[in-house]
C-alpha atoms as a PDB file:
ATOM      1  CA  MET A   1      81.154 -91.982  45.134  1.00  0.00           C
ATOM      2  CA  PHE A   2      79.836 -90.351  48.129  1.00  0.00           C
ATOM      3  CA  GLU A   3      76.580 -90.070  50.170  1.00  0.00           C
ATOM      4  CA  ILE A   4      76.423 -86.902  51.976  1.00  0.00           C
ATOM      5  CA  TYR A   5      74.235 -86.160  55.086  1.00  0.00           C
ATOM      6  CA  LEU A   6      73.305 -82.837  56.302  1.00  0.00           C
ATOM      7  CA  TYR A   7      73.062 -82.294  60.206  1.00  0.00           C
ATOM      8  CA  HIS A   8      70.040 -80.385  61.440  1.00  0.00           C
ATOM      9  CA  PRO A   9      70.822 -78.945  64.733  1.00  0.00           C
ATOM     10  CA  GLN A  10      67.085 -78.069  65.525  1.00  0.00           C
ATOM     11  CA  ASN A  11      65.982 -81.721  65.713  1.00  0.00           C
ATOM     12  CA  LYS A  12      69.405 -83.285  66.176  1.00  0.00           C
ATOM     13  CA  CYS A  13      69.352 -85.551  63.313  1.00  0.00           C
ATOM     14  CA  PHE A  14      71.111 -86.309  60.042  1.00  0.00           C
ATOM     15  CA  GLU A  15      69.264 -86.113  56.629  1.00  0.00           C
ATOM     16  CA  LYS A  16      70.600 -87.602  53.337  1.00  0.00           C
ATOM     17  CA  LEU A  17      71.334 -84.909  50.722  1.00  0.00           C
ATOM     18  CA  LYS A  18      69.184 -85.309  47.793  1.00  0.00           C
ATOM     19  CA  GLU A  19      71.468 -85.845  44.648  1.00  0.00           C
ATOM     20  CA  PRO A  20      71.250 -83.080  41.973  1.00  0.00           C
ATOM     21  CA  ASP A  21      69.684 -83.538  38.432  1.00  0.00           C
ATOM     22  CA  PHE A  22      72.697 -85.073  36.743  1.00  0.00           C
ATOM     23  CA  SER A  23      71.284 -84.322  33.279  1.00  0.00           C
ATOM     24  CA  ARG A  24      73.260 -81.119  32.927  1.00  0.00           C
ATOM     25  CA  SER A  25      76.433 -82.329  34.885  1.00  0.00           C
ATOM     26  CA  GLY A  26      79.644 -83.646  33.559  1.00  0.00           C
ATOM     27  CA  CYS A  27      79.696 -86.307  36.246  1.00  0.00           C
ATOM     28  CA  SER A  28      76.886 -88.823  37.072  1.00  0.00           C
ATOM     29  CA  CYS A  29      77.509 -89.075  40.704  1.00  0.00           C
ATOM     30  CA  LEU A  30      78.973 -87.194  43.676  1.00  0.00           C
ATOM     31  CA  CYS A  31      82.509 -88.211  43.155  1.00  0.00           C
ATOM     32  CA  ASP A  32      85.830 -86.884  44.477  1.00  0.00           C
ATOM     33  CA  VAL A  33      83.804 -84.401  46.527  1.00  0.00           C
ATOM     34  CA  THR A  34      85.600 -81.255  47.954  1.00  0.00           C
ATOM     35  CA  VAL A  35      83.938 -78.232  49.758  1.00  0.00           C
ATOM     36  CA  GLU A  36      84.788 -74.595  49.625  1.00  0.00           C
ATOM     37  CA  LYS A  37      83.379 -73.565  53.048  1.00  0.00           C
ATOM     38  CA  ASP A  38      84.014 -69.744  52.642  1.00  0.00           C
ATOM     39  CA  LYS A  39      82.043 -69.686  49.228  1.00  0.00           C
ATOM     40  CA  LYS A  40      79.598 -72.576  50.348  1.00  0.00           C
ATOM     41  CA  LEU A  41      80.384 -74.671  47.297  1.00  0.00           C
ATOM     42  CA  LEU A  42      80.420 -78.498  46.841  1.00  0.00           C
ATOM     43  CA  ILE A  43      82.637 -79.448  43.996  1.00  0.00           C
ATOM     44  CA  THR A  44      82.710 -82.820  42.420  1.00  0.00           C
ATOM     45  CA  GLY A  45      85.173 -84.248  39.865  1.00  0.00           C
ATOM     46  CA  CYS A  46      85.361 -87.288  37.686  1.00  0.00           C
ATOM     47  CA  ARG A  47      87.136 -88.579  34.600  1.00  0.00           C
ATOM     48  CA  GLY A  48      85.452 -89.500  31.333  1.00  0.00           C
ATOM     49  CA  GLY A  49      87.826 -91.023  28.801  1.00  0.00           C
ATOM     50  CA  ALA A  50      90.650 -88.753  28.469  1.00  0.00           C
ATOM     51  CA  ARG A  51      88.983 -85.879  30.085  1.00  0.00           C
ATOM     52  CA  TRP A  52      88.396 -84.621  33.566  1.00  0.00           C
ATOM     53  CA  HIS A  53      85.075 -83.057  34.561  1.00  0.00           C
ATOM     54  CA  GLN A  54      84.180 -80.932  37.395  1.00  0.00           C
ATOM     55  CA  ASP A  55      80.781 -79.739  38.645  1.00  0.00           C
ATOM     56  CA  VAL A  56      80.187 -77.027  41.144  1.00  0.00           C
ATOM     57  CA  TYR A  57      76.943 -77.040  43.318  1.00  0.00           C
ATOM     58  CA  ARG A  58      75.376 -74.816  45.832  1.00  0.00           C
ATOM     59  CA  LEU A  59      72.766 -75.830  48.436  1.00  0.00           C
ATOM     60  CA  GLY A  60      69.601 -74.145  47.312  1.00  0.00           C
ATOM     61  CA  LYS A  61      66.920 -72.774  49.658  1.00  0.00           C
ATOM     62  CA  ASN A  62      64.756 -76.006  49.430  1.00  0.00           C
ATOM     63  CA  GLY A  63      67.596 -78.217  50.361  1.00  0.00           C
ATOM     64  CA  THR A  64      68.783 -79.367  47.133  1.00  0.00           C
ATOM     65  CA  LEU A  65      71.924 -79.035  45.164  1.00  0.00           C
ATOM     66  CA  GLU A  66      71.772 -76.418  42.268  1.00  0.00           C
END
């Protein structure tokens, strides 16, 4: 599981990224996180039983994952 912090160059500090609403997600955490920088996507993956789940998020304008 990951805790992700965003750096804000204006005030030179880090702020913890608010976790998304997991009610519609396949994973209940930010697990096995990868970033597609060119598409500005955060991808998580987890295993539940015999299945693998993957959730794709984008950072919204209010600073939350959508």
